[in-house]
């Protein structure tokens, strides 16, 4: 079986080349992160496995790739790029990778939380523009953070927030217990938290999870941090709440549409911190990610399916 990394940027291509071992399945690397779905049938001819970083795999396009049997998606958010059930129905199995960047993403969420509290990015930009703003920030020690979801990333975020003396509340879809974390109802979490950080997978149940009604339940002036997926939050309602001042600040690494379009409403809202879906991008996480992807390829070839 042959594999193709369909949309490798230079950094991930170099990691892939470094982590390949003698005797591994044949893995070709297509160094173009900006391919279009329409390119896939041509690129994937003769390949049973596709490694996908961020390219859309529409079902009607995949139907035009008769050799393709497996897609190894680099992360957990495959549903943002393809329909796994529809693909499985036509004989293409989608594999995801969990846990590779838990620490990296949690550290980004933590840094976004700090920026929202002290507005360092805003002051930096203003000073470079010959202004001198003196912001009254939020002191996080002693404040309450509410974590929505406590998988690997949420657990790491809890550890970091405990470390600076925050009270950590959490809500999870299934019952859990963690040291230093009080599990509460979602209503209580939203009402009592000075900051809320989202750590859910995107699926049919979580799409639009933080709705206009739930945003309205948040403590006035609270901070919202999202390093999960943009579609988990009602983006229009969030913008309304930010502009009205009901929501104090939104620190976002993810958006409904990426890259964030020119002229998007969020670009003009001052009480936001916006980063470019980069939370997982550290050398350590990249090694974990590509290593896990290559392990998937090895298992697929070994199983012969």
C-alpha atoms as a PDB file:
ATOM      1  CA  UNK A   1       0.000   0.000   0.000  1.00  0.00           C
ATOM      2  CA  UNK A   2       1.244   3.476  -0.861  1.00  0.00           C
ATOM      3  CA  UNK A   3       0.507   6.585   1.175  1.00  0.00           C
ATOM      4  CA  UNK A   4       0.508  10.255   0.169  1.00  0.00           C
ATOM      5  CA  UNK A   5       0.753  13.249   2.482  1.00  0.00           C
ATOM      6  CA  UNK A   6      -1.474  15.406   0.310  1.00  0.00           C
ATOM      7  CA  UNK A   7      -0.936  18.915   1.725  1.00  0.00           C
ATOM      8  CA  UNK A   8       2.345  19.091   3.615  1.00  0.00           C
ATOM      9  CA  UNK A   9       3.813  22.442   4.548  1.00  0.00           C
ATOM     10  CA  UNK A  10       7.615  22.632   4.692  1.00  0.00           C
ATOM     11  CA  UNK A  11       7.752  22.072   8.440  1.00  0.00           C
ATOM     12  CA  UNK A  12       5.548  18.962   8.503  1.00  0.00           C
ATOM     13  CA  UNK A  13       7.259  17.596   5.394  1.00  0.00           C
ATOM     14  CA  UNK A  14      10.623  17.818   7.153  1.00  0.00           C
ATOM     15  CA  UNK A  15       9.244  16.100  10.260  1.00  0.00           C
ATOM     16  CA  UNK A  16       7.779  13.317   8.110  1.00  0.00           C
ATOM     17  CA  UNK A  17      11.054  12.727   6.318  1.00  0.00           C
ATOM     18  CA  UNK A  18      12.923  12.632   9.620  1.00  0.00           C
ATOM     19  CA  UNK A  19      10.545  10.159  11.292  1.00  0.00           C
ATOM     20  CA  UNK A  20      10.280   7.686   8.427  1.00  0.00           C
ATOM     21  CA  UNK A  21      12.107   4.426   9.200  1.00  0.00           C
ATOM     22  CA  UNK A  22      13.792   1.872   6.959  1.00  0.00           C
ATOM     23  CA  UNK A  23      11.217  -0.685   5.878  1.00  0.00           C
ATOM     24  CA  UNK A  24       8.269   1.700   6.347  1.00  0.00           C
ATOM     25  CA  UNK A  25       5.391   1.744   3.869  1.00  0.00           C
ATOM     26  CA  UNK A  26       6.046   4.006   0.883  1.00  0.00           C
ATOM     27  CA  UNK A  27       4.995   7.525   1.903  1.00  0.00           C
ATOM     28  CA  UNK A  28       5.175  10.265  -0.716  1.00  0.00           C
ATOM     29  CA  UNK A  29       5.029  13.904   0.358  1.00  0.00           C
ATOM     30  CA  UNK A  30       3.203  16.484  -1.722  1.00  0.00           C
ATOM     31  CA  UNK A  31       4.658  19.821  -0.586  1.00  0.00           C
ATOM     32  CA  UNK A  32       1.721  22.108  -1.245  1.00  0.00           C
ATOM     33  CA  UNK A  33      -0.485  23.127   1.704  1.00  0.00           C
ATOM     34  CA  UNK A  34      -2.891  24.988  -0.585  1.00  0.00           C
ATOM     35  CA  UNK A  35      -4.225  22.229  -2.818  1.00  0.00           C
ATOM     36  CA  UNK A  36      -7.902  22.204  -3.763  1.00  0.00           C
ATOM     37  CA  UNK A  37     -10.205  19.200  -3.288  1.00  0.00           C
ATOM     38  CA  UNK A  38     -10.498  18.987  -7.070  1.00  0.00           C
ATOM     39  CA  UNK A  39      -6.785  18.072  -7.163  1.00  0.00           C
ATOM     40  CA  UNK A  40      -7.263  14.956  -5.033  1.00  0.00           C
ATOM     41  CA  UNK A  41      -8.297  12.399  -7.694  1.00  0.00           C
ATOM     42  CA  UNK A  42      -5.168  13.181  -9.715  1.00  0.00           C
ATOM     43  CA  UNK A  43      -2.848  13.221  -6.725  1.00  0.00           C
ATOM     44  CA  UNK A  44      -4.227  10.082  -5.089  1.00  0.00           C
ATOM     45  CA  UNK A  45      -4.174   7.811  -8.127  1.00  0.00           C
ATOM     46  CA  UNK A  46      -2.418   4.624  -6.998  1.00  0.00           C
ATOM     47  CA  UNK A  47      -2.490   5.559  -3.301  1.00  0.00           C
ATOM     48  CA  UNK A  48      -4.533   3.635  -0.732  1.00  0.00           C
ATOM     49  CA  UNK A  49      -3.757   6.009   2.144  1.00  0.00           C
ATOM     50  CA  UNK A  50      -4.059   9.805   2.295  1.00  0.00           C
ATOM     51  CA  UNK A  51      -2.480  11.795   5.117  1.00  0.00           C
ATOM     52  CA  UNK A  52      -4.466  15.017   5.452  1.00  0.00           C
ATOM     53  CA  UNK A  53      -3.501  18.119   7.419  1.00  0.00           C
ATOM     54  CA  UNK A  54      -6.338  20.518   6.538  1.00  0.00           C
ATOM     55  CA  UNK A  55      -7.700  19.782   3.048  1.00  0.00           C
ATOM     56  CA  UNK A  56     -11.426  19.230   2.534  1.00  0.00           C
ATOM     57  CA  UNK A  57     -12.324  15.696   1.393  1.00  0.00           C
ATOM     58  CA  UNK A  58     -15.886  16.017   0.003  1.00  0.00           C
ATOM     59  CA  UNK A  59     -17.582  12.662  -0.444  1.00  0.00           C
ATOM     60  CA  UNK A  60     -18.311  13.286  -4.127  1.00  0.00           C
ATOM     61  CA  UNK A  61     -14.596  13.969  -4.723  1.00  0.00           C
ATOM     62  CA  UNK A  62     -13.504  10.885  -2.785  1.00  0.00           C
ATOM     63  CA  UNK A  63     -15.790   8.804  -5.006  1.00  0.00           C
ATOM     64  CA  UNK A  64     -13.446   9.798  -7.835  1.00  0.00           C
ATOM     65  CA  UNK A  65     -10.441   8.273  -5.979  1.00  0.00           C
ATOM     66  CA  UNK A  66     -10.969   4.524  -6.548  1.00  0.00           C
ATOM     67  CA  UNK A  67      -7.652   3.478  -4.997  1.00  0.00           C
ATOM     68  CA  UNK A  68      -8.198   5.361  -1.734  1.00  0.00           C
ATOM     69  CA  UNK A  69      -9.160   3.217   1.273  1.00  0.00           C
ATOM     70  CA  UNK A  70      -7.900   5.220   4.279  1.00  0.00           C
ATOM     71  CA  UNK A  71      -7.608   8.870   5.302  1.00  0.00           C
ATOM     72  CA  UNK A  72      -5.315   9.621   8.242  1.00  0.00           C
ATOM     73  CA  UNK A  73      -6.403  13.048   9.474  1.00  0.00           C
ATOM     74  CA  UNK A  74      -3.791  15.020  11.396  1.00  0.00           C
ATOM     75  CA  UNK A  75      -5.810  15.801  14.494  1.00  0.00           C
ATOM     76  CA  UNK A  76      -9.217  15.189  16.008  1.00  0.00           C
ATOM     77  CA  UNK A  77     -11.354  17.598  13.972  1.00  0.00           C
ATOM     78  CA  UNK A  78     -11.884  15.504  10.857  1.00  0.00           C
ATOM     79  CA  UNK A  79     -15.583  16.378  10.784  1.00  0.00           C
ATOM     80  CA  UNK A  80     -14.689  19.952   9.884  1.00  0.00           C
ATOM     81  CA  UNK A  81     -13.164  18.649   6.646  1.00  0.00           C
ATOM     82  CA  UNK A  82     -15.114  15.506   5.703  1.00  0.00           C
ATOM     83  CA  UNK A  83     -18.076  13.292   6.576  1.00  0.00           C
ATOM     84  CA  UNK A  84     -16.524  10.158   8.141  1.00  0.00           C
ATOM     85  CA  UNK A  85     -19.750   8.132   8.082  1.00  0.00           C
ATOM     86  CA  UNK A  86     -20.466   8.927   4.451  1.00  0.00           C
ATOM     87  CA  UNK A  87     -16.897   8.048   3.528  1.00  0.00           C
ATOM     88  CA  UNK A  88     -17.024   4.769   5.425  1.00  0.00           C
ATOM     89  CA  UNK A  89     -20.198   3.897   3.534  1.00  0.00           C
ATOM     90  CA  UNK A  90     -18.220   4.085   0.278  1.00  0.00           C
ATOM     91  CA  UNK A  91     -15.318   2.071   1.684  1.00  0.00           C
ATOM     92  CA  UNK A  92     -12.953   4.771   2.962  1.00  0.00           C
ATOM     93  CA  UNK A  93     -12.048   4.663   6.657  1.00  0.00           C
ATOM     94  CA  UNK A  94     -11.130   7.888   8.459  1.00  0.00           C
ATOM     95  CA  UNK A  95      -8.510   7.727  11.227  1.00  0.00           C
ATOM     96  CA  UNK A  96      -7.985  10.590  13.696  1.00  0.00           C
ATOM     97  CA  UNK A  97      -5.124  11.333  16.089  1.00  0.00           C
ATOM     98  CA  UNK A  98      -5.782  12.210  19.712  1.00  0.00           C
ATOM     99  CA  UNK A  99      -3.547  13.483  22.458  1.00  0.00           C
ATOM    100  CA  UNK A 100      -0.616  14.584  20.329  1.00  0.00           C
ATOM    101  CA  UNK A 101      -0.802  18.249  21.323  1.00  0.00           C
ATOM    102  CA  UNK A 102      -2.648  18.334  24.647  1.00  0.00           C
ATOM    103  CA  UNK A 103       0.069  20.336  26.394  1.00  0.00           C
ATOM    104  CA  UNK A 104       0.664  22.635  23.410  1.00  0.00           C
ATOM    105  CA  UNK A 105      -3.029  23.516  23.039  1.00  0.00           C
ATOM    106  CA  UNK A 106      -3.548  23.959  26.779  1.00  0.00           C
ATOM    107  CA  UNK A 107      -0.548  26.283  26.966  1.00  0.00           C
ATOM    108  CA  UNK A 108      -2.032  28.354  24.114  1.00  0.00           C
ATOM    109  CA  UNK A 109      -5.402  28.495  25.870  1.00  0.00           C
ATOM    110  CA  UNK A 110      -3.577  29.583  29.032  1.00  0.00           C
ATOM    111  CA  UNK A 111      -1.658  32.299  27.154  1.00  0.00           C
ATOM    112  CA  UNK A 112      -4.863  33.537  25.511  1.00  0.00           C
ATOM    113  CA  UNK A 113      -6.473  33.687  28.938  1.00  0.00           C
ATOM    114  CA  UNK A 114      -3.611  35.833  30.233  1.00  0.00           C
ATOM    115  CA  UNK A 115      -3.776  38.127  27.211  1.00  0.00           C
ATOM    116  CA  UNK A 116      -7.520  38.578  27.612  1.00  0.00           C
ATOM    117  CA  UNK A 117      -7.027  39.394  31.283  1.00  0.00           C
ATOM    118  CA  UNK A 118      -4.183  41.903  30.775  1.00  0.00           C
ATOM    119  CA  UNK A 119      -4.643  42.889  27.082  1.00  0.00           C
ATOM    120  CA  UNK A 120      -0.959  42.665  26.270  1.00  0.00           C
ATOM    121  CA  UNK A 121      -1.456  42.228  22.507  1.00  0.00           C
ATOM    122  CA  UNK A 122      -3.680  45.291  22.324  1.00  0.00           C
ATOM    123  CA  UNK A 123      -1.197  47.444  24.274  1.00  0.00           C
ATOM    124  CA  UNK A 124       1.703  46.208  22.125  1.00  0.00           C
ATOM    125  CA  UNK A 125      -0.134  47.169  18.920  1.00  0.00           C
ATOM    126  CA  UNK A 126      -1.173  50.528  20.356  1.00  0.00           C
ATOM    127  CA  UNK A 127       2.345  51.428  21.496  1.00  0.00           C
ATOM    128  CA  UNK A 128       3.725  50.566  18.062  1.00  0.00           C
ATOM    129  CA  UNK A 129       1.106  52.997  16.723  1.00  0.00           C
ATOM    130  CA  UNK A 130       2.417  55.780  18.987  1.00  0.00           C
ATOM    131  CA  UNK A 131      -0.321  55.402  21.618  1.00  0.00           C
ATOM    132  CA  UNK A 132       0.202  54.770  25.324  1.00  0.00           C
ATOM    133  CA  UNK A 133      -2.861  52.920  26.739  1.00  0.00           C
ATOM    134  CA  UNK A 134      -2.817  52.053  30.443  1.00  0.00           C
ATOM    135  CA  UNK A 135      -5.237  49.198  30.843  1.00  0.00           C
ATOM    136  CA  UNK A 136      -6.781  48.108  34.127  1.00  0.00           C
ATOM    137  CA  UNK A 137      -6.570  44.334  33.808  1.00  0.00           C
ATOM    138  CA  UNK A 138      -8.032  41.333  35.579  1.00  0.00           C
ATOM    139  CA  UNK A 139      -5.907  39.603  38.218  1.00  0.00           C
ATOM    140  CA  UNK A 140      -6.406  35.882  37.607  1.00  0.00           C
ATOM    141  CA  UNK A 141      -5.170  34.538  40.937  1.00  0.00           C
ATOM    142  CA  UNK A 142      -8.249  33.801  43.019  1.00  0.00           C
ATOM    143  CA  UNK A 143     -10.620  34.048  40.060  1.00  0.00           C
ATOM    144  CA  UNK A 144     -12.799  31.182  38.775  1.00  0.00           C
ATOM    145  CA  UNK A 145     -12.139  29.408  35.490  1.00  0.00           C
ATOM    146  CA  UNK A 146     -14.840  27.192  33.995  1.00  0.00           C
ATOM    147  CA  UNK A 147     -13.671  24.384  31.717  1.00  0.00           C
ATOM    148  CA  UNK A 148     -16.193  22.975  29.249  1.00  0.00           C
ATOM    149  CA  UNK A 149     -14.784  19.535  28.513  1.00  0.00           C
ATOM    150  CA  UNK A 150     -12.013  17.794  30.433  1.00  0.00           C
ATOM    151  CA  UNK A 151     -10.291  15.461  28.004  1.00  0.00           C
ATOM    152  CA  UNK A 152      -6.520  15.614  27.653  1.00  0.00           C
ATOM    153  CA  UNK A 153      -6.419  19.334  26.809  1.00  0.00           C
ATOM    154  CA  UNK A 154      -8.960  20.318  29.456  1.00  0.00           C
ATOM    155  CA  UNK A 155      -7.050  18.326  32.070  1.00  0.00           C
ATOM    156  CA  UNK A 156      -3.806  20.127  31.146  1.00  0.00           C
ATOM    157  CA  UNK A 157      -5.608  23.479  31.313  1.00  0.00           C
ATOM    158  CA  UNK A 158      -6.895  22.565  34.790  1.00  0.00           C
ATOM    159  CA  UNK A 159      -3.338  21.809  35.901  1.00  0.00           C
ATOM    160  CA  UNK A 160      -2.067  25.163  34.640  1.00  0.00           C
ATOM    161  CA  UNK A 161      -4.926  27.149  36.179  1.00  0.00           C
ATOM    162  CA  UNK A 162      -4.587  25.366  39.510  1.00  0.00           C
ATOM    163  CA  UNK A 163      -0.920  26.308  39.427  1.00  0.00           C
ATOM    164  CA  UNK A 164      -1.663  30.046  39.561  1.00  0.00           C
ATOM    165  CA  UNK A 165      -4.302  29.748  42.273  1.00  0.00           C
ATOM    166  CA  UNK A 166      -7.477  29.874  40.219  1.00  0.00           C
ATOM    167  CA  UNK A 167     -10.629  28.063  41.346  1.00  0.00           C
ATOM    168  CA  UNK A 168     -11.342  25.460  38.672  1.00  0.00           C
ATOM    169  CA  UNK A 169     -14.903  24.472  37.828  1.00  0.00           C
ATOM    170  CA  UNK A 170     -15.617  21.987  35.066  1.00  0.00           C
ATOM    171  CA  UNK A 171     -18.459  20.431  33.134  1.00  0.00           C
ATOM    172  CA  UNK A 172     -18.056  17.221  31.188  1.00  0.00           C
ATOM    173  CA  UNK A 173     -20.540  15.185  29.147  1.00  0.00           C
ATOM    174  CA  UNK A 174     -19.704  12.072  31.181  1.00  0.00           C
ATOM    175  CA  UNK A 175     -19.060  11.989  34.955  1.00  0.00           C
ATOM    176  CA  UNK A 176     -15.456  12.543  36.002  1.00  0.00           C
ATOM    177  CA  UNK A 177     -13.329  13.305  39.032  1.00  0.00           C
ATOM    178  CA  UNK A 178     -10.021  15.197  38.938  1.00  0.00           C
ATOM    179  CA  UNK A 179      -7.825  16.600  41.734  1.00  0.00           C
ATOM    180  CA  UNK A 180      -8.347  20.305  42.251  1.00  0.00           C
ATOM    181  CA  UNK A 181     -11.402  20.455  39.980  1.00  0.00           C
ATOM    182  CA  UNK A 182     -15.031  20.825  41.052  1.00  0.00           C
ATOM    183  CA  UNK A 183     -17.465  19.315  38.558  1.00  0.00           C
ATOM    184  CA  UNK A 184     -20.694  21.305  38.402  1.00  0.00           C
ATOM    185  CA  UNK A 185     -23.739  21.780  36.205  1.00  0.00           C
ATOM    186  CA  UNK A 186     -23.265  23.795  33.025  1.00  0.00           C
ATOM    187  CA  UNK A 187     -25.668  26.459  34.320  1.00  0.00           C
ATOM    188  CA  UNK A 188     -23.584  26.971  37.466  1.00  0.00           C
ATOM    189  CA  UNK A 189     -20.313  26.997  35.533  1.00  0.00           C
ATOM    190  CA  UNK A 190     -21.533  29.708  33.179  1.00  0.00           C
ATOM    191  CA  UNK A 191     -22.995  31.828  35.982  1.00  0.00           C
ATOM    192  CA  UNK A 192     -19.973  31.693  38.318  1.00  0.00           C
ATOM    193  CA  UNK A 193     -16.925  31.651  36.034  1.00  0.00           C
ATOM    194  CA  UNK A 194     -14.841  34.761  35.458  1.00  0.00           C
ATOM    195  CA  UNK A 195     -13.439  32.982  32.406  1.00  0.00           C
ATOM    196  CA  UNK A 196     -14.728  30.033  30.371  1.00  0.00           C
ATOM    197  CA  UNK A 197     -12.441  27.858  28.239  1.00  0.00           C
ATOM    198  CA  UNK A 198     -13.854  25.416  25.678  1.00  0.00           C
ATOM    199  CA  UNK A 199     -12.303  21.960  25.244  1.00  0.00           C
ATOM    200  CA  UNK A 200     -14.854  19.905  23.292  1.00  0.00           C
ATOM    201  CA  UNK A 201     -14.631  17.938  20.075  1.00  0.00           C
ATOM    202  CA  UNK A 202     -16.829  19.223  17.269  1.00  0.00           C
ATOM    203  CA  UNK A 203     -19.626  16.831  16.335  1.00  0.00           C
ATOM    204  CA  UNK A 204     -23.365  16.970  15.736  1.00  0.00           C
ATOM    205  CA  UNK A 205     -24.011  17.263  19.483  1.00  0.00           C
ATOM    206  CA  UNK A 206     -21.545  20.089  20.114  1.00  0.00           C
ATOM    207  CA  UNK A 207     -22.093  22.221  17.002  1.00  0.00           C
ATOM    208  CA  UNK A 208     -23.508  25.515  18.298  1.00  0.00           C
ATOM    209  CA  UNK A 209     -23.150  24.217  21.875  1.00  0.00           C
ATOM    210  CA  UNK A 210     -22.399  27.657  23.298  1.00  0.00           C
ATOM    211  CA  UNK A 211     -25.589  29.158  21.962  1.00  0.00           C
ATOM    212  CA  UNK A 212     -26.964  32.670  22.358  1.00  0.00           C
ATOM    213  CA  UNK A 213     -28.937  31.453  25.369  1.00  0.00           C
ATOM    214  CA  UNK A 214     -25.856  29.951  27.030  1.00  0.00           C
ATOM    215  CA  UNK A 215     -23.712  32.974  26.250  1.00  0.00           C
ATOM    216  CA  UNK A 216     -26.370  35.084  27.990  1.00  0.00           C
ATOM    217  CA  UNK A 217     -25.961  32.901  31.111  1.00  0.00           C
ATOM    218  CA  UNK A 218     -22.279  33.828  31.434  1.00  0.00           C
ATOM    219  CA  UNK A 219     -21.148  36.151  34.177  1.00  0.00           C
ATOM    220  CA  UNK A 220     -21.229  39.756  32.896  1.00  0.00           C
ATOM    221  CA  UNK A 221     -17.782  40.825  31.717  1.00  0.00           C
ATOM    222  CA  UNK A 222     -16.431  37.268  31.620  1.00  0.00           C
ATOM    223  CA  UNK A 223     -13.661  36.080  29.306  1.00  0.00           C
ATOM    224  CA  UNK A 224     -14.294  33.378  26.685  1.00  0.00           C
ATOM    225  CA  UNK A 225     -11.351  31.295  25.420  1.00  0.00           C
ATOM    226  CA  UNK A 226     -11.792  28.927  22.469  1.00  0.00           C
ATOM    227  CA  UNK A 227      -8.988  26.714  21.187  1.00  0.00           C
ATOM    228  CA  UNK A 228     -11.338  23.855  20.222  1.00  0.00           C
ATOM    229  CA  UNK A 229     -13.433  24.568  17.101  1.00  0.00           C
ATOM    230  CA  UNK A 230     -15.130  27.775  16.017  1.00  0.00           C
ATOM    231  CA  UNK A 231     -18.462  26.126  15.226  1.00  0.00           C
ATOM    232  CA  UNK A 232     -18.928  25.074  18.865  1.00  0.00           C
ATOM    233  CA  UNK A 233     -19.840  28.712  19.574  1.00  0.00           C
ATOM    234  CA  UNK A 234     -22.673  30.699  17.984  1.00  0.00           C
ATOM    235  CA  UNK A 235     -20.312  33.209  16.378  1.00  0.00           C
ATOM    236  CA  UNK A 236     -22.978  35.828  15.624  1.00  0.00           C
ATOM    237  CA  UNK A 237     -24.322  35.738  19.173  1.00  0.00           C
ATOM    238  CA  UNK A 238     -20.775  35.959  20.539  1.00  0.00           C
ATOM    239  CA  UNK A 239     -20.091  39.058  18.433  1.00  0.00           C
ATOM    240  CA  UNK A 240     -23.343  40.622  19.653  1.00  0.00           C
ATOM    241  CA  UNK A 241     -22.374  39.947  23.275  1.00  0.00           C
ATOM    242  CA  UNK A 242     -18.871  41.385  22.779  1.00  0.00           C
ATOM    243  CA  UNK A 243     -20.132  44.548  21.105  1.00  0.00           C
ATOM    244  CA  UNK A 244     -22.746  45.047  23.820  1.00  0.00           C
ATOM    245  CA  UNK A 245     -20.141  44.557  26.548  1.00  0.00           C
ATOM    246  CA  UNK A 246     -21.987  41.631  28.132  1.00  0.00           C
ATOM    247  CA  UNK A 247     -19.004  39.445  27.245  1.00  0.00           C
ATOM    248  CA  UNK A 248     -15.814  41.081  28.426  1.00  0.00           C
ATOM    249  CA  UNK A 249     -13.337  39.539  25.998  1.00  0.00           C
ATOM    250  CA  UNK A 250     -13.073  36.640  23.558  1.00  0.00           C
ATOM    251  CA  UNK A 251      -9.662  35.044  22.981  1.00  0.00           C
ATOM    252  CA  UNK A 252      -9.983  32.826  19.923  1.00  0.00           C
ATOM    253  CA  UNK A 253      -7.638  30.509  18.049  1.00  0.00           C
ATOM    254  CA  UNK A 254     -10.454  28.965  15.970  1.00  0.00           C
ATOM    255  CA  UNK A 255     -13.259  30.311  13.789  1.00  0.00           C
ATOM    256  CA  UNK A 256     -16.243  29.028  11.850  1.00  0.00           C
ATOM    257  CA  UNK A 257     -14.478  29.926   8.594  1.00  0.00           C
ATOM    258  CA  UNK A 258     -10.701  29.710   8.341  1.00  0.00           C
ATOM    259  CA  UNK A 259      -8.702  31.646   7.389  1.00  0.00           C
ATOM    260  CA  UNK A 260     -10.832  34.409   8.885  1.00  0.00           C
ATOM    261  CA  UNK A 261     -12.178  36.319   5.857  1.00  0.00           C
ATOM    262  CA  UNK A 262     -11.169  39.902   5.182  1.00  0.00           C
ATOM    263  CA  UNK A 263     -13.804  42.216   6.575  1.00  0.00           C
ATOM    264  CA  UNK A 264     -15.093  39.606   9.027  1.00  0.00           C
ATOM    265  CA  UNK A 265     -16.985  41.172  11.884  1.00  0.00           C
ATOM    266  CA  UNK A 266     -14.561  39.841  14.508  1.00  0.00           C
ATOM    267  CA  UNK A 267     -11.690  41.790  12.936  1.00  0.00           C
ATOM    268  CA  UNK A 268     -13.378  45.030  13.973  1.00  0.00           C
ATOM    269  CA  UNK A 269     -14.272  44.102  17.553  1.00  0.00           C
ATOM    270  CA  UNK A 270     -11.710  45.596  19.926  1.00  0.00           C
ATOM    271  CA  UNK A 271     -12.246  43.323  22.951  1.00  0.00           C
ATOM    272  CA  UNK A 272     -10.912  40.220  21.194  1.00  0.00           C
ATOM    273  CA  UNK A 273      -7.597  38.412  20.833  1.00  0.00           C
ATOM    274  CA  UNK A 274      -7.357  36.513  17.548  1.00  0.00           C
ATOM    275  CA  UNK A 275      -4.768  33.897  16.607  1.00  0.00           C
ATOM    276  CA  UNK A 276      -4.533  31.762  13.485  1.00  0.00           C
ATOM    277  CA  UNK A 277      -5.461  28.209  14.608  1.00  0.00           C
ATOM    278  CA  UNK A 278      -1.889  27.734  15.788  1.00  0.00           C
ATOM    279  CA  UNK A 279      -2.398  26.296  19.280  1.00  0.00           C
ATOM    280  CA  UNK A 280      -1.069  22.864  18.370  1.00  0.00           C
ATOM    281  CA  UNK A 281       1.951  24.112  16.425  1.00  0.00           C
ATOM    282  CA  UNK A 282       5.018  23.319  18.498  1.00  0.00           C
ATOM    283  CA  UNK A 283       7.940  21.082  17.490  1.00  0.00           C
ATOM    284  CA  UNK A 284       7.009  18.609  20.219  1.00  0.00           C
ATOM    285  CA  UNK A 285       3.387  18.373  19.090  1.00  0.00           C
ATOM    286  CA  UNK A 286       4.405  18.084  15.426  1.00  0.00           C
ATOM    287  CA  UNK A 287       6.675  15.152  16.232  1.00  0.00           C
ATOM    288  CA  UNK A 288       3.888  13.469  18.192  1.00  0.00           C
ATOM    289  CA  UNK A 289       1.387  14.136  15.407  1.00  0.00           C
ATOM    290  CA  UNK A 290       3.440  12.877  12.475  1.00  0.00           C
ATOM    291  CA  UNK A 291       4.751   9.967  14.517  1.00  0.00           C
ATOM    292  CA  UNK A 292       1.188   8.878  15.241  1.00  0.00           C
ATOM    293  CA  UNK A 293       0.186   9.316  11.576  1.00  0.00           C
ATOM    294  CA  UNK A 294       3.057   7.092  10.439  1.00  0.00           C
ATOM    295  CA  UNK A 295       2.091   4.524  13.081  1.00  0.00           C
ATOM    296  CA  UNK A 296      -1.415   4.492  11.550  1.00  0.00           C
ATOM    297  CA  UNK A 297       0.110   3.846   8.118  1.00  0.00           C
ATOM    298  CA  UNK A 298       2.244   1.012   9.505  1.00  0.00           C
ATOM    299  CA  UNK A 299      -0.760  -0.644  11.167  1.00  0.00           C
ATOM    300  CA  UNK A 300      -2.894  -0.311   8.044  1.00  0.00           C
ATOM    301  CA  UNK A 301      -0.242  -1.948   5.889  1.00  0.00           C
ATOM    302  CA  UNK A 302       0.421  -4.646   8.475  1.00  0.00           C
ATOM    303  CA  UNK A 303      -3.286  -5.476   8.721  1.00  0.00           C
ATOM    304  CA  UNK A 304      -3.556  -5.429   4.941  1.00  0.00           C
ATOM    305  CA  UNK A 305      -6.935  -3.671   4.990  1.00  0.00           C
END
